[in-house]
């Protein structure tokens, strides 16, 4: 009786991956739609509002100081060890390596460089925008604050906006941006939002950021994700240029390849050449000539005149040659006579 094995979820995932041996004919590239433009404008307005509220030392700055004096890491010390590891999900180095490894595998599988190039573009925008804002506003963190109740801006700090929060939004949100199906995009968007929210609140718990730093970090990361469709034409041109350089390099490498070694012609004997025979299809291997043997100078004696040489290791002592008549076989009638001559009297 024939039975069919029930496919597990992992089997279905691998079956889906096996159906992509070549580059997909159509890749879903997000467009800069009107809905996305509205979200970008709203997020930009929220970004500017947070900056303005901190710059004028509004109620948001006072709330930052209240949270700092509350000291959450002292209120709930039992989760401190776990959050020390959880905050790594917002560090740029480890998260970029993990996400780049996954997107690199996707690029190799789908024969396209778009996932890696999109990640590179997002990280470049993140470094430029967030880095410039940090250095431009120069706000000090809670551990280095000087005046109670002040906004601590313009004092040479680099804490506003939160780099951990913005990096978590961009790094994990890029997976949702590059998702191949709408359902996967929705699930990954929710997962990245929860992850980045947890990273931001963790920095507030540890006392390394103000709450307003986290709010501005969320807005900064979301602005980069919403602006990525504007970078898609440049990403497509970069991918085409890289593939063109690869093809050119392969072409030049093929031209400079060493020429094949010619097959030696068939060798004919003088008699076959005189008879006009055609050479064989397969070349005849020519054995190399041996070097001439040089004999030692001096007169050469005949073989019969040479002194017999006793083999090394032989137990028989050398003896003079016996007369020829002693080596003849005995006659048939002389059975009692010994073949060996007797010596002595």
C-alpha atoms as a PDB file:
ATOM      1  CA  UNK A   1       0.000   0.000   0.000  1.00  0.00           C
ATOM      2  CA  UNK A   2       1.458   3.397  -1.028  1.00  0.00           C
ATOM      3  CA  UNK A   3       1.634   6.031   1.663  1.00  0.00           C
ATOM      4  CA  UNK A   4       2.564   9.689   1.211  1.00  0.00           C
ATOM      5  CA  UNK A   5       4.670  11.517   3.778  1.00  0.00           C
ATOM      6  CA  UNK A   6       3.114  14.642   5.247  1.00  0.00           C
ATOM      7  CA  UNK A   7       5.270  17.687   4.460  1.00  0.00           C
ATOM      8  CA  UNK A   8       6.328  19.738   7.441  1.00  0.00           C
ATOM      9  CA  UNK A   9       6.677  23.516   7.418  1.00  0.00           C
ATOM     10  CA  UNK A  10      10.449  23.211   7.011  1.00  0.00           C
ATOM     11  CA  UNK A  11       9.993  20.899   4.002  1.00  0.00           C
ATOM     12  CA  UNK A  12       7.712  23.447   2.364  1.00  0.00           C
ATOM     13  CA  UNK A  13      10.232  26.216   2.982  1.00  0.00           C
ATOM     14  CA  UNK A  14      13.048  24.238   1.339  1.00  0.00           C
ATOM     15  CA  UNK A  15      10.760  23.247  -1.525  1.00  0.00           C
ATOM     16  CA  UNK A  16      10.036  26.918  -2.107  1.00  0.00           C
ATOM     17  CA  UNK A  17      13.751  27.727  -2.100  1.00  0.00           C
ATOM     18  CA  UNK A  18      14.483  24.912  -4.544  1.00  0.00           C
ATOM     19  CA  UNK A  19      12.099  26.518  -7.042  1.00  0.00           C
ATOM     20  CA  UNK A  20      14.473  29.493  -7.382  1.00  0.00           C
ATOM     21  CA  UNK A  21      17.521  28.096  -9.228  1.00  0.00           C
ATOM     22  CA  UNK A  22      17.701  31.219 -11.400  1.00  0.00           C
ATOM     23  CA  UNK A  23      17.060  34.909 -11.010  1.00  0.00           C
ATOM     24  CA  UNK A  24      13.310  35.586 -10.689  1.00  0.00           C
ATOM     25  CA  UNK A  25      11.778  37.126 -13.779  1.00  0.00           C
ATOM     26  CA  UNK A  26       9.949  39.759 -11.726  1.00  0.00           C
ATOM     27  CA  UNK A  27      11.132  41.122  -8.404  1.00  0.00           C
ATOM     28  CA  UNK A  28       8.654  43.074  -6.309  1.00  0.00           C
ATOM     29  CA  UNK A  29      10.355  46.455  -5.870  1.00  0.00           C
ATOM     30  CA  UNK A  30       8.435  48.874  -3.611  1.00  0.00           C
ATOM     31  CA  UNK A  31       7.338  52.063  -5.323  1.00  0.00           C
ATOM     32  CA  UNK A  32       7.161  55.536  -3.861  1.00  0.00           C
ATOM     33  CA  UNK A  33       3.384  55.557  -3.656  1.00  0.00           C
ATOM     34  CA  UNK A  34       1.199  58.344  -2.340  1.00  0.00           C
ATOM     35  CA  UNK A  35       0.584  56.419   0.873  1.00  0.00           C
ATOM     36  CA  UNK A  36       4.331  56.130   1.447  1.00  0.00           C
ATOM     37  CA  UNK A  37       4.858  59.812   0.723  1.00  0.00           C
ATOM     38  CA  UNK A  38       2.208  60.733   3.321  1.00  0.00           C
ATOM     39  CA  UNK A  39       3.890  58.484   5.901  1.00  0.00           C
ATOM     40  CA  UNK A  40       7.264  60.003   5.095  1.00  0.00           C
ATOM     41  CA  UNK A  41       5.931  63.530   5.556  1.00  0.00           C
ATOM     42  CA  UNK A  42       4.208  62.633   8.848  1.00  0.00           C
ATOM     43  CA  UNK A  43       7.338  60.946  10.198  1.00  0.00           C
ATOM     44  CA  UNK A  44       9.474  63.928   9.193  1.00  0.00           C
ATOM     45  CA  UNK A  45       7.059  66.273  11.006  1.00  0.00           C
ATOM     46  CA  UNK A  46       7.265  64.079  14.129  1.00  0.00           C
ATOM     47  CA  UNK A  47      11.088  64.142  13.862  1.00  0.00           C
ATOM     48  CA  UNK A  48      11.196  67.928  13.716  1.00  0.00           C
ATOM     49  CA  UNK A  49       8.673  68.204  16.564  1.00  0.00           C
ATOM     50  CA  UNK A  50      10.846  66.089  18.863  1.00  0.00           C
ATOM     51  CA  UNK A  51      13.913  68.175  18.052  1.00  0.00           C
ATOM     52  CA  UNK A  52      12.007  71.395  18.682  1.00  0.00           C
ATOM     53  CA  UNK A  53      10.550  70.120  21.978  1.00  0.00           C
ATOM     54  CA  UNK A  54      14.016  69.244  23.268  1.00  0.00           C
ATOM     55  CA  UNK A  55      15.619  72.436  21.959  1.00  0.00           C
ATOM     56  CA  UNK A  56      13.175  74.695  23.860  1.00  0.00           C
ATOM     57  CA  UNK A  57      13.395  72.540  27.063  1.00  0.00           C
ATOM     58  CA  UNK A  58       9.709  71.700  27.041  1.00  0.00           C
ATOM     59  CA  UNK A  59       7.745  69.181  29.102  1.00  0.00           C
ATOM     60  CA  UNK A  60       9.517  66.376  27.176  1.00  0.00           C
ATOM     61  CA  UNK A  61      12.860  67.320  28.739  1.00  0.00           C
ATOM     62  CA  UNK A  62      11.313  67.408  32.211  1.00  0.00           C
ATOM     63  CA  UNK A  63       9.852  63.943  31.602  1.00  0.00           C
ATOM     64  CA  UNK A  64      13.318  62.746  30.562  1.00  0.00           C
ATOM     65  CA  UNK A  65      14.709  63.846  33.921  1.00  0.00           C
ATOM     66  CA  UNK A  66      11.868  62.174  35.826  1.00  0.00           C
ATOM     67  CA  UNK A  67      12.553  58.859  34.110  1.00  0.00           C
ATOM     68  CA  UNK A  68      16.266  59.228  34.778  1.00  0.00           C
ATOM     69  CA  UNK A  69      15.706  59.839  38.505  1.00  0.00           C
ATOM     70  CA  UNK A  70      13.340  56.879  38.625  1.00  0.00           C
ATOM     71  CA  UNK A  71      16.306  54.681  37.664  1.00  0.00           C
ATOM     72  CA  UNK A  72      14.544  51.650  36.142  1.00  0.00           C
ATOM     73  CA  UNK A  73      17.678  49.485  36.419  1.00  0.00           C
ATOM     74  CA  UNK A  74      17.375  49.803  40.195  1.00  0.00           C
ATOM     75  CA  UNK A  75      13.630  49.188  40.265  1.00  0.00           C
ATOM     76  CA  UNK A  76      13.844  45.888  38.346  1.00  0.00           C
ATOM     77  CA  UNK A  77      17.382  44.546  38.767  1.00  0.00           C
ATOM     78  CA  UNK A  78      16.379  40.941  38.034  1.00  0.00           C
ATOM     79  CA  UNK A  79      16.089  41.622  34.264  1.00  0.00           C
ATOM     80  CA  UNK A  80      19.325  43.575  34.002  1.00  0.00           C
ATOM     81  CA  UNK A  81      21.430  40.600  32.854  1.00  0.00           C
ATOM     82  CA  UNK A  82      18.966  39.665  30.118  1.00  0.00           C
ATOM     83  CA  UNK A  83      18.652  43.215  28.790  1.00  0.00           C
ATOM     84  CA  UNK A  84      22.419  43.569  28.637  1.00  0.00           C
ATOM     85  CA  UNK A  85      22.375  40.878  25.924  1.00  0.00           C
ATOM     86  CA  UNK A  86      19.119  42.005  24.323  1.00  0.00           C
ATOM     87  CA  UNK A  87      20.472  45.467  23.587  1.00  0.00           C
ATOM     88  CA  UNK A  88      23.036  43.871  21.242  1.00  0.00           C
ATOM     89  CA  UNK A  89      20.176  43.573  18.721  1.00  0.00           C
ATOM     90  CA  UNK A  90      20.602  47.306  18.217  1.00  0.00           C
ATOM     91  CA  UNK A  91      24.386  47.412  17.825  1.00  0.00           C
ATOM     92  CA  UNK A  92      25.432  48.103  14.266  1.00  0.00           C
ATOM     93  CA  UNK A  93      28.287  45.614  13.950  1.00  0.00           C
ATOM     94  CA  UNK A  94      26.670  42.321  15.068  1.00  0.00           C
ATOM     95  CA  UNK A  95      23.282  43.059  13.497  1.00  0.00           C
ATOM     96  CA  UNK A  96      24.800  44.138  10.175  1.00  0.00           C
ATOM     97  CA  UNK A  97      26.836  40.923   9.990  1.00  0.00           C
ATOM     98  CA  UNK A  98      23.819  38.711  10.716  1.00  0.00           C
ATOM     99  CA  UNK A  99      21.512  40.452   8.264  1.00  0.00           C
ATOM    100  CA  UNK A 100      24.230  40.666   5.583  1.00  0.00           C
ATOM    101  CA  UNK A 101      24.824  36.910   5.864  1.00  0.00           C
ATOM    102  CA  UNK A 102      21.130  36.188   5.247  1.00  0.00           C
ATOM    103  CA  UNK A 103      20.815  38.707   2.409  1.00  0.00           C
ATOM    104  CA  UNK A 104      24.048  37.447   0.873  1.00  0.00           C
ATOM    105  CA  UNK A 105      22.594  33.940   0.733  1.00  0.00           C
ATOM    106  CA  UNK A 106      19.463  35.343  -0.895  1.00  0.00           C
ATOM    107  CA  UNK A 107      21.560  37.233  -3.439  1.00  0.00           C
ATOM    108  CA  UNK A 108      23.473  34.067  -4.329  1.00  0.00           C
ATOM    109  CA  UNK A 109      20.269  32.046  -4.545  1.00  0.00           C
ATOM    110  CA  UNK A 110      18.366  34.507  -6.719  1.00  0.00           C
ATOM    111  CA  UNK A 111      21.371  35.640  -8.809  1.00  0.00           C
ATOM    112  CA  UNK A 112      20.822  39.295  -7.940  1.00  0.00           C
ATOM    113  CA  UNK A 113      22.764  41.867  -5.917  1.00  0.00           C
ATOM    114  CA  UNK A 114      19.720  43.935  -4.956  1.00  0.00           C
ATOM    115  CA  UNK A 115      19.400  42.664  -1.331  1.00  0.00           C
ATOM    116  CA  UNK A 116      23.028  43.450  -0.495  1.00  0.00           C
ATOM    117  CA  UNK A 117      23.016  46.760  -2.340  1.00  0.00           C
ATOM    118  CA  UNK A 118      19.806  47.807  -0.577  1.00  0.00           C
ATOM    119  CA  UNK A 119      21.317  46.964   2.798  1.00  0.00           C
ATOM    120  CA  UNK A 120      24.443  48.945   1.924  1.00  0.00           C
ATOM    121  CA  UNK A 121      22.391  51.970   0.832  1.00  0.00           C
ATOM    122  CA  UNK A 122      20.309  51.919   4.021  1.00  0.00           C
ATOM    123  CA  UNK A 123      23.362  51.679   6.280  1.00  0.00           C
ATOM    124  CA  UNK A 124      25.035  54.507   4.364  1.00  0.00           C
ATOM    125  CA  UNK A 125      21.986  56.726   4.821  1.00  0.00           C
ATOM    126  CA  UNK A 126      21.845  55.745   8.488  1.00  0.00           C
ATOM    127  CA  UNK A 127      25.456  56.733   9.123  1.00  0.00           C
ATOM    128  CA  UNK A 128      25.115  60.036   7.283  1.00  0.00           C
ATOM    129  CA  UNK A 129      21.819  61.247   8.742  1.00  0.00           C
ATOM    130  CA  UNK A 130      22.026  59.944  12.314  1.00  0.00           C
ATOM    131  CA  UNK A 131      25.745  60.692  12.603  1.00  0.00           C
ATOM    132  CA  UNK A 132      25.267  64.260  11.396  1.00  0.00           C
ATOM    133  CA  UNK A 133      22.356  64.796  13.813  1.00  0.00           C
ATOM    134  CA  UNK A 134      24.355  63.433  16.755  1.00  0.00           C
ATOM    135  CA  UNK A 135      27.333  65.669  16.094  1.00  0.00           C
ATOM    136  CA  UNK A 136      25.197  68.686  15.202  1.00  0.00           C
ATOM    137  CA  UNK A 137      23.070  68.718  18.355  1.00  0.00           C
ATOM    138  CA  UNK A 138      25.798  67.483  20.716  1.00  0.00           C
ATOM    139  CA  UNK A 139      23.531  66.347  23.557  1.00  0.00           C
ATOM    140  CA  UNK A 140      24.944  64.638  26.627  1.00  0.00           C
ATOM    141  CA  UNK A 141      23.499  61.386  27.970  1.00  0.00           C
ATOM    142  CA  UNK A 142      21.940  60.782  31.405  1.00  0.00           C
ATOM    143  CA  UNK A 143      25.186  59.501  32.909  1.00  0.00           C
ATOM    144  CA  UNK A 144      27.079  62.647  31.858  1.00  0.00           C
ATOM    145  CA  UNK A 145      24.383  65.281  32.470  1.00  0.00           C
ATOM    146  CA  UNK A 146      25.608  68.483  34.149  1.00  0.00           C
ATOM    147  CA  UNK A 147      22.628  70.724  34.962  1.00  0.00           C
ATOM    148  CA  UNK A 148      19.415  69.248  36.294  1.00  0.00           C
ATOM    149  CA  UNK A 149      16.414  70.153  34.151  1.00  0.00           C
ATOM    150  CA  UNK A 150      18.400  71.350  31.123  1.00  0.00           C
ATOM    151  CA  UNK A 151      18.298  69.817  27.670  1.00  0.00           C
ATOM    152  CA  UNK A 152      22.093  69.194  27.734  1.00  0.00           C
ATOM    153  CA  UNK A 153      22.429  70.161  24.060  1.00  0.00           C
ATOM    154  CA  UNK A 154      25.482  71.744  22.433  1.00  0.00           C
ATOM    155  CA  UNK A 155      27.881  70.270  24.999  1.00  0.00           C
ATOM    156  CA  UNK A 156      29.823  67.916  22.698  1.00  0.00           C
ATOM    157  CA  UNK A 157      27.777  64.764  23.270  1.00  0.00           C
ATOM    158  CA  UNK A 158      26.651  62.208  20.678  1.00  0.00           C
ATOM    159  CA  UNK A 159      23.519  60.736  22.212  1.00  0.00           C
ATOM    160  CA  UNK A 160      20.632  62.429  20.354  1.00  0.00           C
ATOM    161  CA  UNK A 161      19.064  60.590  18.485  1.00  0.00           C
ATOM    162  CA  UNK A 162      19.569  57.052  19.770  1.00  0.00           C
ATOM    163  CA  UNK A 163      21.838  55.128  17.395  1.00  0.00           C
ATOM    164  CA  UNK A 164      20.818  51.755  18.853  1.00  0.00           C
ATOM    165  CA  UNK A 165      17.134  52.440  18.186  1.00  0.00           C
ATOM    166  CA  UNK A 166      17.647  53.802  14.668  1.00  0.00           C
ATOM    167  CA  UNK A 167      19.941  50.917  13.770  1.00  0.00           C
ATOM    168  CA  UNK A 168      17.410  48.358  15.046  1.00  0.00           C
ATOM    169  CA  UNK A 169      14.642  49.963  12.968  1.00  0.00           C
ATOM    170  CA  UNK A 170      16.736  49.989   9.774  1.00  0.00           C
ATOM    171  CA  UNK A 171      18.553  46.655  10.125  1.00  0.00           C
ATOM    172  CA  UNK A 172      15.549  44.537  11.008  1.00  0.00           C
ATOM    173  CA  UNK A 173      13.131  46.611   8.940  1.00  0.00           C
ATOM    174  CA  UNK A 174      15.168  45.971   5.783  1.00  0.00           C
ATOM    175  CA  UNK A 175      14.099  42.328   5.990  1.00  0.00           C
ATOM    176  CA  UNK A 176      10.456  43.414   5.775  1.00  0.00           C
ATOM    177  CA  UNK A 177      11.277  45.831   2.964  1.00  0.00           C
ATOM    178  CA  UNK A 178      12.883  43.045   0.898  1.00  0.00           C
ATOM    179  CA  UNK A 179      10.189  40.443   1.637  1.00  0.00           C
ATOM    180  CA  UNK A 180       8.937  38.622  -1.439  1.00  0.00           C
ATOM    181  CA  UNK A 181       5.258  38.353  -0.448  1.00  0.00           C
ATOM    182  CA  UNK A 182       2.823  40.825   1.181  1.00  0.00           C
ATOM    183  CA  UNK A 183       2.113  38.408   4.012  1.00  0.00           C
ATOM    184  CA  UNK A 184       5.788  38.015   4.831  1.00  0.00           C
ATOM    185  CA  UNK A 185       6.199  41.797   4.670  1.00  0.00           C
ATOM    186  CA  UNK A 186       3.438  42.326   7.223  1.00  0.00           C
ATOM    187  CA  UNK A 187       4.805  39.750   9.656  1.00  0.00           C
ATOM    188  CA  UNK A 188       8.360  40.995   9.352  1.00  0.00           C
ATOM    189  CA  UNK A 189       7.244  44.607   9.761  1.00  0.00           C
ATOM    190  CA  UNK A 190       5.510  43.764  13.037  1.00  0.00           C
ATOM    191  CA  UNK A 191       8.513  41.757  14.238  1.00  0.00           C
ATOM    192  CA  UNK A 192      10.988  44.520  13.416  1.00  0.00           C
ATOM    193  CA  UNK A 193       8.766  47.126  15.119  1.00  0.00           C
ATOM    194  CA  UNK A 194       8.602  45.084  18.326  1.00  0.00           C
ATOM    195  CA  UNK A 195      12.350  44.410  18.251  1.00  0.00           C
ATOM    196  CA  UNK A 196      13.280  48.063  17.744  1.00  0.00           C
ATOM    197  CA  UNK A 197      10.783  49.157  20.399  1.00  0.00           C
ATOM    198  CA  UNK A 198      12.335  46.729  22.867  1.00  0.00           C
ATOM    199  CA  UNK A 199      15.870  47.901  22.043  1.00  0.00           C
ATOM    200  CA  UNK A 200      14.905  51.556  22.564  1.00  0.00           C
ATOM    201  CA  UNK A 201      13.225  50.926  25.910  1.00  0.00           C
ATOM    202  CA  UNK A 202      16.187  48.810  26.978  1.00  0.00           C
ATOM    203  CA  UNK A 203      18.540  51.764  26.491  1.00  0.00           C
ATOM    204  CA  UNK A 204      16.217  53.853  28.683  1.00  0.00           C
ATOM    205  CA  UNK A 205      16.213  51.083  31.314  1.00  0.00           C
ATOM    206  CA  UNK A 206      20.007  50.926  31.325  1.00  0.00           C
ATOM    207  CA  UNK A 207      20.242  54.705  31.642  1.00  0.00           C
ATOM    208  CA  UNK A 208      22.305  55.227  28.487  1.00  0.00           C
ATOM    209  CA  UNK A 209      19.636  57.312  26.645  1.00  0.00           C
ATOM    210  CA  UNK A 210      16.915  59.788  27.378  1.00  0.00           C
ATOM    211  CA  UNK A 211      13.393  58.828  26.378  1.00  0.00           C
ATOM    212  CA  UNK A 212      13.392  61.618  23.788  1.00  0.00           C
ATOM    213  CA  UNK A 213      16.544  60.079  22.249  1.00  0.00           C
ATOM    214  CA  UNK A 214      14.639  56.862  21.648  1.00  0.00           C
ATOM    215  CA  UNK A 215      11.658  58.674  20.096  1.00  0.00           C
ATOM    216  CA  UNK A 216      13.935  60.523  17.690  1.00  0.00           C
ATOM    217  CA  UNK A 217      15.817  57.297  16.882  1.00  0.00           C
ATOM    218  CA  UNK A 218      12.572  55.558  15.884  1.00  0.00           C
ATOM    219  CA  UNK A 219      11.668  58.468  13.622  1.00  0.00           C
ATOM    220  CA  UNK A 220      15.160  58.579  12.074  1.00  0.00           C
ATOM    221  CA  UNK A 221      15.160  54.865  11.238  1.00  0.00           C
ATOM    222  CA  UNK A 222      11.635  54.964   9.842  1.00  0.00           C
ATOM    223  CA  UNK A 223      12.532  57.902   7.573  1.00  0.00           C
ATOM    224  CA  UNK A 224      15.331  55.851   6.013  1.00  0.00           C
ATOM    225  CA  UNK A 225      13.065  52.867   5.336  1.00  0.00           C
ATOM    226  CA  UNK A 226      10.379  55.078   3.809  1.00  0.00           C
ATOM    227  CA  UNK A 227      12.922  56.848   1.584  1.00  0.00           C
ATOM    228  CA  UNK A 228      14.465  53.663   0.155  1.00  0.00           C
ATOM    229  CA  UNK A 229      12.198  53.511  -2.947  1.00  0.00           C
ATOM    230  CA  UNK A 230      13.825  56.748  -4.086  1.00  0.00           C
ATOM    231  CA  UNK A 231      17.151  54.894  -4.095  1.00  0.00           C
ATOM    232  CA  UNK A 232      15.916  51.944  -6.181  1.00  0.00           C
ATOM    233  CA  UNK A 233      16.918  53.405  -9.610  1.00  0.00           C
ATOM    234  CA  UNK A 234      20.444  54.025  -8.328  1.00  0.00           C
ATOM    235  CA  UNK A 235      20.576  50.498  -6.888  1.00  0.00           C
ATOM    236  CA  UNK A 236      19.463  49.035 -10.234  1.00  0.00           C
ATOM    237  CA  UNK A 237      22.129  51.012 -12.132  1.00  0.00           C
ATOM    238  CA  UNK A 238      24.789  49.940  -9.643  1.00  0.00           C
ATOM    239  CA  UNK A 239      23.821  46.292 -10.041  1.00  0.00           C
ATOM    240  CA  UNK A 240      23.917  46.548 -13.848  1.00  0.00           C
ATOM    241  CA  UNK A 241      27.323  48.231 -13.686  1.00  0.00           C
ATOM    242  CA  UNK A 242      28.755  45.548 -11.416  1.00  0.00           C
ATOM    243  CA  UNK A 243      27.507  42.773 -13.702  1.00  0.00           C
ATOM    244  CA  UNK A 244      28.924  44.605 -16.747  1.00  0.00           C
ATOM    245  CA  UNK A 245      32.332  44.836 -15.069  1.00  0.00           C
ATOM    246  CA  UNK A 246      32.151  41.139 -14.229  1.00  0.00           C
ATOM    247  CA  UNK A 247      31.381  40.199 -17.843  1.00  0.00           C
ATOM    248  CA  UNK A 248      34.196  42.441 -19.093  1.00  0.00           C
ATOM    249  CA  UNK A 249      36.648  40.864 -16.689  1.00  0.00           C
ATOM    250  CA  UNK A 250      35.592  37.380 -17.778  1.00  0.00           C
ATOM    251  CA  UNK A 251      36.025  38.346 -21.434  1.00  0.00           C
ATOM    252  CA  UNK A 252      39.501  39.737 -20.863  1.00  0.00           C
ATOM    253  CA  UNK A 253      40.452  36.704 -18.845  1.00  0.00           C
ATOM    254  CA  UNK A 254      39.342  34.408 -21.688  1.00  0.00           C
ATOM    255  CA  UNK A 255      41.412  36.349 -24.240  1.00  0.00           C
ATOM    256  CA  UNK A 256      44.594  36.154 -22.210  1.00  0.00           C
ATOM    257  CA  UNK A 257      44.281  32.403 -21.658  1.00  0.00           C
ATOM    258  CA  UNK A 258      47.401  30.425 -22.688  1.00  0.00           C
ATOM    259  CA  UNK A 259      47.339  28.895 -26.174  1.00  0.00           C
ATOM    260  CA  UNK A 260      46.883  25.103 -26.330  1.00  0.00           C
ATOM    261  CA  UNK A 261      50.001  22.991 -26.822  1.00  0.00           C
ATOM    262  CA  UNK A 262      50.158  21.722 -30.444  1.00  0.00           C
ATOM    263  CA  UNK A 263      49.967  17.967 -30.966  1.00  0.00           C
ATOM    264  CA  UNK A 264      53.263  16.613 -32.415  1.00  0.00           C
ATOM    265  CA  UNK A 265      53.130  15.227 -35.952  1.00  0.00           C
ATOM    266  CA  UNK A 266      53.292  11.491 -36.579  1.00  0.00           C
ATOM    267  CA  UNK A 267      56.772  10.027 -36.983  1.00  0.00           C
ATOM    268  CA  UNK A 268      57.390   7.703 -39.989  1.00  0.00           C
ATOM    269  CA  UNK A 269      60.212   5.294 -40.515  1.00  0.00           C
ATOM    270  CA  UNK A 270      62.522   5.977 -43.514  1.00  0.00           C
ATOM    271  CA  UNK A 271      61.193   2.917 -45.368  1.00  0.00           C
ATOM    272  CA  UNK A 272      57.551   4.024 -44.909  1.00  0.00           C
ATOM    273  CA  UNK A 273      58.451   7.531 -46.040  1.00  0.00           C
ATOM    274  CA  UNK A 274      60.166   6.115 -49.177  1.00  0.00           C
ATOM    275  CA  UNK A 275      57.119   3.984 -50.004  1.00  0.00           C
ATOM    276  CA  UNK A 276      54.849   7.050 -49.748  1.00  0.00           C
ATOM    277  CA  UNK A 277      52.675   5.730 -46.933  1.00  0.00           C
ATOM    278  CA  UNK A 278      50.399   8.117 -45.022  1.00  0.00           C
ATOM    279  CA  UNK A 279      51.153   8.819 -41.379  1.00  0.00           C
ATOM    280  CA  UNK A 280      49.055   7.152 -38.747  1.00  0.00           C
ATOM    281  CA  UNK A 281      46.271   9.064 -37.052  1.00  0.00           C
ATOM    282  CA  UNK A 282      47.830   8.779 -33.639  1.00  0.00           C
ATOM    283  CA  UNK A 283      51.380  10.072 -33.204  1.00  0.00           C
ATOM    284  CA  UNK A 284      54.047   7.470 -32.617  1.00  0.00           C
ATOM    285  CA  UNK A 285      55.842   7.983 -29.364  1.00  0.00           C
ATOM    286  CA  UNK A 286      59.563   8.508 -29.890  1.00  0.00           C
ATOM    287  CA  UNK A 287      61.716   6.924 -27.237  1.00  0.00           C
ATOM    288  CA  UNK A 288      64.589   9.139 -26.136  1.00  0.00           C
ATOM    289  CA  UNK A 289      68.034   7.991 -27.255  1.00  0.00           C
ATOM    290  CA  UNK A 290      70.294   6.669 -24.546  1.00  0.00           C
ATOM    291  CA  UNK A 291      73.647   8.333 -23.959  1.00  0.00           C
ATOM    292  CA  UNK A 292      76.657   6.503 -25.439  1.00  0.00           C
ATOM    293  CA  UNK A 293      78.518   4.093 -23.189  1.00  0.00           C
ATOM    294  CA  UNK A 294      82.200   4.950 -22.743  1.00  0.00           C
ATOM    295  CA  UNK A 295      84.473   1.923 -22.214  1.00  0.00           C
ATOM    296  CA  UNK A 296      87.508   2.044 -20.004  1.00  0.00           C
ATOM    297  CA  UNK A 297      90.800   2.536 -21.916  1.00  0.00           C
ATOM    298  CA  UNK A 298      93.279  -0.354 -22.313  1.00  0.00           C
ATOM    299  CA  UNK A 299      93.526  -3.749 -24.064  1.00  0.00           C
ATOM    300  CA  UNK A 300      90.458  -5.982 -23.890  1.00  0.00           C
ATOM    301  CA  UNK A 301      90.880  -9.689 -23.286  1.00  0.00           C
ATOM    302  CA  UNK A 302      88.763 -12.497 -24.608  1.00  0.00           C
ATOM    303  CA  UNK A 303      86.104 -14.003 -22.411  1.00  0.00           C
ATOM    304  CA  UNK A 304      87.981 -17.333 -22.149  1.00  0.00           C
ATOM    305  CA  UNK A 305      91.102 -15.579 -20.902  1.00  0.00           C
ATOM    306  CA  UNK A 306      89.371 -13.691 -18.103  1.00  0.00           C
ATOM    307  CA  UNK A 307      89.785 -14.821 -14.535  1.00  0.00           C
ATOM    308  CA  UNK A 308      86.580 -16.311 -13.110  1.00  0.00           C
ATOM    309  CA  UNK A 309      85.074 -14.198 -10.431  1.00  0.00           C
ATOM    310  CA  UNK A 310      83.639 -15.833  -7.341  1.00  0.00           C
ATOM    311  CA  UNK A 311      80.231 -14.389  -6.457  1.00  0.00           C
ATOM    312  CA  UNK A 312      80.216 -12.400  -3.271  1.00  0.00           C
ATOM    313  CA  UNK A 313      78.901 -14.390  -0.357  1.00  0.00           C
ATOM    314  CA  UNK A 314      79.479 -17.818  -1.958  1.00  0.00           C
ATOM    315  CA  UNK A 315      80.619 -20.569   0.448  1.00  0.00           C
ATOM    316  CA  UNK A 316      82.437 -22.610  -2.219  1.00  0.00           C
ATOM    317  CA  UNK A 317      86.158 -21.800  -2.272  1.00  0.00           C
ATOM    318  CA  UNK A 318      87.767 -21.089  -5.628  1.00  0.00           C
ATOM    319  CA  UNK A 319      89.534 -24.122  -7.230  1.00  0.00           C
ATOM    320  CA  UNK A 320      91.656 -24.583 -10.345  1.00  0.00           C
ATOM    321  CA  UNK A 321      90.098 -25.903 -13.489  1.00  0.00           C
ATOM    322  CA  UNK A 322      90.091 -29.738 -13.796  1.00  0.00           C
ATOM    323  CA  UNK A 323      90.978 -31.654 -16.918  1.00  0.00           C
ATOM    324  CA  UNK A 324      88.228 -32.137 -19.405  1.00  0.00           C
ATOM    325  CA  UNK A 325      88.285 -35.980 -19.209  1.00  0.00           C
ATOM    326  CA  UNK A 326      87.387 -35.850 -15.500  1.00  0.00           C
ATOM    327  CA  UNK A 327      84.174 -33.970 -16.237  1.00  0.00           C
ATOM    328  CA  UNK A 328      82.914 -36.671 -18.645  1.00  0.00           C
ATOM    329  CA  UNK A 329      80.102 -38.893 -17.307  1.00  0.00           C
ATOM    330  CA  UNK A 330      81.033 -42.397 -16.110  1.00  0.00           C
ATOM    331  CA  UNK A 331      80.378 -45.363 -18.322  1.00  0.00           C
ATOM    332  CA  UNK A 332      77.367 -47.517 -17.792  1.00  0.00           C
ATOM    333  CA  UNK A 333      79.349 -50.600 -16.718  1.00  0.00           C
ATOM    334  CA  UNK A 334      81.587 -48.947 -14.192  1.00  0.00           C
ATOM    335  CA  UNK A 335      79.139 -48.704 -11.352  1.00  0.00           C
ATOM    336  CA  UNK A 336      81.662 -49.428  -8.569  1.00  0.00           C
ATOM    337  CA  UNK A 337      84.179 -46.881  -9.772  1.00  0.00           C
ATOM    338  CA  UNK A 338      83.704 -43.434  -8.250  1.00  0.00           C
ATOM    339  CA  UNK A 339      83.560 -40.459 -10.623  1.00  0.00           C
ATOM    340  CA  UNK A 340      85.725 -38.365  -8.273  1.00  0.00           C
ATOM    341  CA  UNK A 341      89.534 -39.112  -8.590  1.00  0.00           C
ATOM    342  CA  UNK A 342      91.291 -40.514  -5.590  1.00  0.00           C
ATOM    343  CA  UNK A 343      94.184 -38.733  -4.043  1.00  0.00           C
ATOM    344  CA  UNK A 344      96.940 -40.130  -1.868  1.00  0.00           C
ATOM    345  CA  UNK A 345      98.841 -43.424  -2.012  1.00  0.00           C
END
